[in-house]
Amino acid sequence: MGVLERAKRASGLSKPEALPYLCLGCETQFDIQYHTCPVCGKYDIRRAKWVNADGDCR
């Protein structure tokens, strides 16, 4: 996520959308990319827009 995208989101100028990062283990969404999921501890955090609806990566 670029600096301008974060600024738009923080200011409320962009339309609300899903958080950009997703844990494939527990499907928790995050605003920042973690190396390990703080919820389940797995190492599979991906960009949400790169993951299909069925959980497979593009």
N, C-alpha and C. Protein backbone atom coordinates (compact mmCIF):
# COMPACT_ATOMS: atom_id res chain seq x y z
N MET A 1 0.85 -1.16 0.00
CA MET A 1 0.00 0.00 0.00
C MET A 1 0.90 1.22 0.00
N GLY A 2 0.64 2.12 -0.93
CA GLY A 2 1.46 3.31 -1.05
C GLY A 2 1.11 4.37 -0.03
N VAL A 3 1.98 5.36 0.06
CA VAL A 3 1.80 6.45 1.02
C VAL A 3 0.50 7.21 0.74
N LEU A 4 0.23 7.49 -0.53
CA LEU A 4 -0.98 8.23 -0.87
C LEU A 4 -2.24 7.43 -0.56
N GLU A 5 -2.20 6.13 -0.79
CA GLU A 5 -3.36 5.29 -0.46
C GLU A 5 -3.62 5.31 1.04
N ARG A 6 -2.58 5.24 1.85
CA ARG A 6 -2.75 5.29 3.31
C ARG A 6 -3.29 6.64 3.75
N ALA A 7 -2.79 7.73 3.14
CA ALA A 7 -3.26 9.06 3.49
C ALA A 7 -4.74 9.23 3.15
N LYS A 8 -5.15 8.75 1.98
CA LYS A 8 -6.57 8.84 1.59
C LYS A 8 -7.44 8.04 2.56
N ARG A 9 -6.99 6.86 2.93
CA ARG A 9 -7.76 6.02 3.85
C ARG A 9 -7.86 6.69 5.22
N ALA A 10 -6.75 7.25 5.70
CA ALA A 10 -6.75 7.88 7.02
C ALA A 10 -7.62 9.13 7.05
N SER A 11 -7.66 9.88 5.94
CA SER A 11 -8.44 11.11 5.89
C SER A 11 -9.90 10.88 5.58
N GLY A 12 -10.24 9.67 5.14
CA GLY A 12 -11.62 9.37 4.80
C GLY A 12 -12.00 9.76 3.38
N LEU A 13 -11.03 10.15 2.55
CA LEU A 13 -11.31 10.56 1.18
C LEU A 13 -11.53 9.39 0.24
N SER A 14 -11.03 8.23 0.59
CA SER A 14 -11.22 7.06 -0.28
C SER A 14 -12.45 6.29 0.18
N LYS A 15 -13.03 5.54 -0.74
CA LYS A 15 -14.20 4.74 -0.37
C LYS A 15 -13.75 3.60 0.55
N PRO A 16 -14.57 3.24 1.52
CA PRO A 16 -14.18 2.15 2.43
C PRO A 16 -14.09 0.82 1.67
N GLU A 17 -13.09 0.06 1.99
CA GLU A 17 -12.88 -1.24 1.36
C GLU A 17 -12.30 -2.18 2.39
N ALA A 18 -12.16 -3.42 2.03
CA ALA A 18 -11.59 -4.41 2.94
C ALA A 18 -10.14 -4.07 3.25
N LEU A 19 -9.68 -4.52 4.38
CA LEU A 19 -8.29 -4.28 4.75
C LEU A 19 -7.39 -5.01 3.76
N PRO A 20 -6.21 -4.44 3.47
CA PRO A 20 -5.40 -4.94 2.36
C PRO A 20 -4.65 -6.25 2.58
N TYR A 21 -4.49 -6.72 3.81
CA TYR A 21 -3.73 -7.95 4.05
C TYR A 21 -4.62 -8.98 4.73
N LEU A 22 -4.38 -10.26 4.42
CA LEU A 22 -5.23 -11.35 4.87
C LEU A 22 -4.38 -12.53 5.29
N CYS A 23 -4.70 -13.10 6.45
CA CYS A 23 -4.05 -14.35 6.88
C CYS A 23 -4.81 -15.50 6.24
N LEU A 24 -4.11 -16.36 5.51
CA LEU A 24 -4.76 -17.49 4.87
C LEU A 24 -5.09 -18.60 5.87
N GLY A 25 -4.51 -18.55 7.06
CA GLY A 25 -4.79 -19.56 8.07
C GLY A 25 -6.11 -19.33 8.79
N CYS A 26 -6.33 -18.11 9.27
CA CYS A 26 -7.54 -17.82 10.05
C CYS A 26 -8.44 -16.78 9.39
N GLU A 27 -8.04 -16.27 8.23
CA GLU A 27 -8.80 -15.30 7.44
C GLU A 27 -9.02 -13.97 8.14
N THR A 28 -8.15 -13.61 9.08
CA THR A 28 -8.21 -12.31 9.72
C THR A 28 -7.59 -11.28 8.79
N GLN A 29 -8.18 -10.09 8.71
CA GLN A 29 -7.66 -9.04 7.84
C GLN A 29 -6.91 -8.01 8.67
N PHE A 30 -5.86 -7.43 8.06
CA PHE A 30 -5.02 -6.45 8.74
C PHE A 30 -4.78 -5.24 7.86
N ASP A 31 -4.47 -4.11 8.50
CA ASP A 31 -4.15 -2.89 7.77
C ASP A 31 -2.67 -2.87 7.37
N ILE A 32 -1.83 -3.59 8.10
CA ILE A 32 -0.40 -3.68 7.79
C ILE A 32 -0.03 -5.14 7.58
N GLN A 33 1.10 -5.36 6.90
CA GLN A 33 1.52 -6.74 6.64
C GLN A 33 2.41 -7.23 7.78
N TYR A 34 1.96 -8.27 8.44
CA TYR A 34 2.74 -8.93 9.48
C TYR A 34 3.51 -10.09 8.86
N HIS A 35 4.63 -10.47 9.49
CA HIS A 35 5.36 -11.66 9.05
C HIS A 35 4.69 -12.91 9.60
N THR A 36 4.17 -12.81 10.82
CA THR A 36 3.39 -13.90 11.41
C THR A 36 2.05 -13.32 11.87
N CYS A 37 1.02 -14.10 11.75
CA CYS A 37 -0.32 -13.66 12.15
C CYS A 37 -0.38 -13.55 13.68
N PRO A 38 -0.76 -12.38 14.21
CA PRO A 38 -0.85 -12.25 15.67
C PRO A 38 -2.02 -13.04 16.27
N VAL A 39 -2.95 -13.49 15.44
CA VAL A 39 -4.12 -14.22 15.93
C VAL A 39 -3.82 -15.72 16.01
N CYS A 40 -3.33 -16.31 14.89
CA CYS A 40 -3.14 -17.77 14.86
C CYS A 40 -1.67 -18.20 14.82
N GLY A 41 -0.74 -17.27 14.53
CA GLY A 41 0.67 -17.61 14.54
C GLY A 41 1.23 -18.16 13.23
N LYS A 42 0.40 -18.27 12.19
CA LYS A 42 0.89 -18.79 10.91
C LYS A 42 1.68 -17.73 10.16
N TYR A 43 2.45 -18.17 9.17
CA TYR A 43 3.33 -17.29 8.42
C TYR A 43 2.79 -16.94 7.03
N ASP A 44 1.51 -17.13 6.78
CA ASP A 44 0.95 -16.95 5.44
C ASP A 44 0.05 -15.72 5.37
N ILE A 45 0.65 -14.53 5.36
CA ILE A 45 -0.08 -13.27 5.23
C ILE A 45 0.10 -12.80 3.80
N ARG A 46 -1.00 -12.54 3.11
CA ARG A 46 -0.96 -12.13 1.69
C ARG A 46 -1.76 -10.86 1.48
N ARG A 47 -1.52 -10.21 0.34
CA ARG A 47 -2.37 -9.09 -0.09
C ARG A 47 -3.75 -9.65 -0.38
N ALA A 48 -4.78 -9.03 0.14
CA ALA A 48 -6.15 -9.53 -0.05
C ALA A 48 -6.54 -9.52 -1.52
N LYS A 49 -6.04 -8.56 -2.30
CA LYS A 49 -6.43 -8.52 -3.71
C LYS A 49 -5.74 -9.60 -4.53
N TRP A 50 -4.74 -10.28 -3.97
CA TRP A 50 -4.06 -11.38 -4.67
C TRP A 50 -4.70 -12.73 -4.37
N VAL A 51 -5.65 -12.77 -3.45
CA VAL A 51 -6.27 -14.03 -3.03
C VAL A 51 -7.67 -14.11 -3.62
N ASN A 52 -7.98 -15.22 -4.27
CA ASN A 52 -9.32 -15.44 -4.83
C ASN A 52 -10.33 -15.64 -3.70
N ALA A 53 -11.60 -15.63 -4.03
CA ALA A 53 -12.65 -15.80 -3.03
C ALA A 53 -12.57 -17.16 -2.33
N ASP A 54 -12.04 -18.18 -3.01
CA ASP A 54 -11.94 -19.51 -2.39
C ASP A 54 -10.64 -19.72 -1.62
N GLY A 55 -9.83 -18.65 -1.46
CA GLY A 55 -8.61 -18.74 -0.66
C GLY A 55 -7.36 -19.09 -1.43
N ASP A 56 -7.47 -19.36 -2.74
CA ASP A 56 -6.30 -19.66 -3.55
C ASP A 56 -5.63 -18.37 -4.01
N CYS A 57 -4.32 -18.42 -4.14
CA CYS A 57 -3.58 -17.26 -4.63
C CYS A 57 -3.61 -17.23 -6.14
N ARG A 58 -3.58 -16.03 -6.69
CA ARG A 58 -3.60 -15.89 -8.15
C ARG A 58 -2.26 -16.16 -8.75
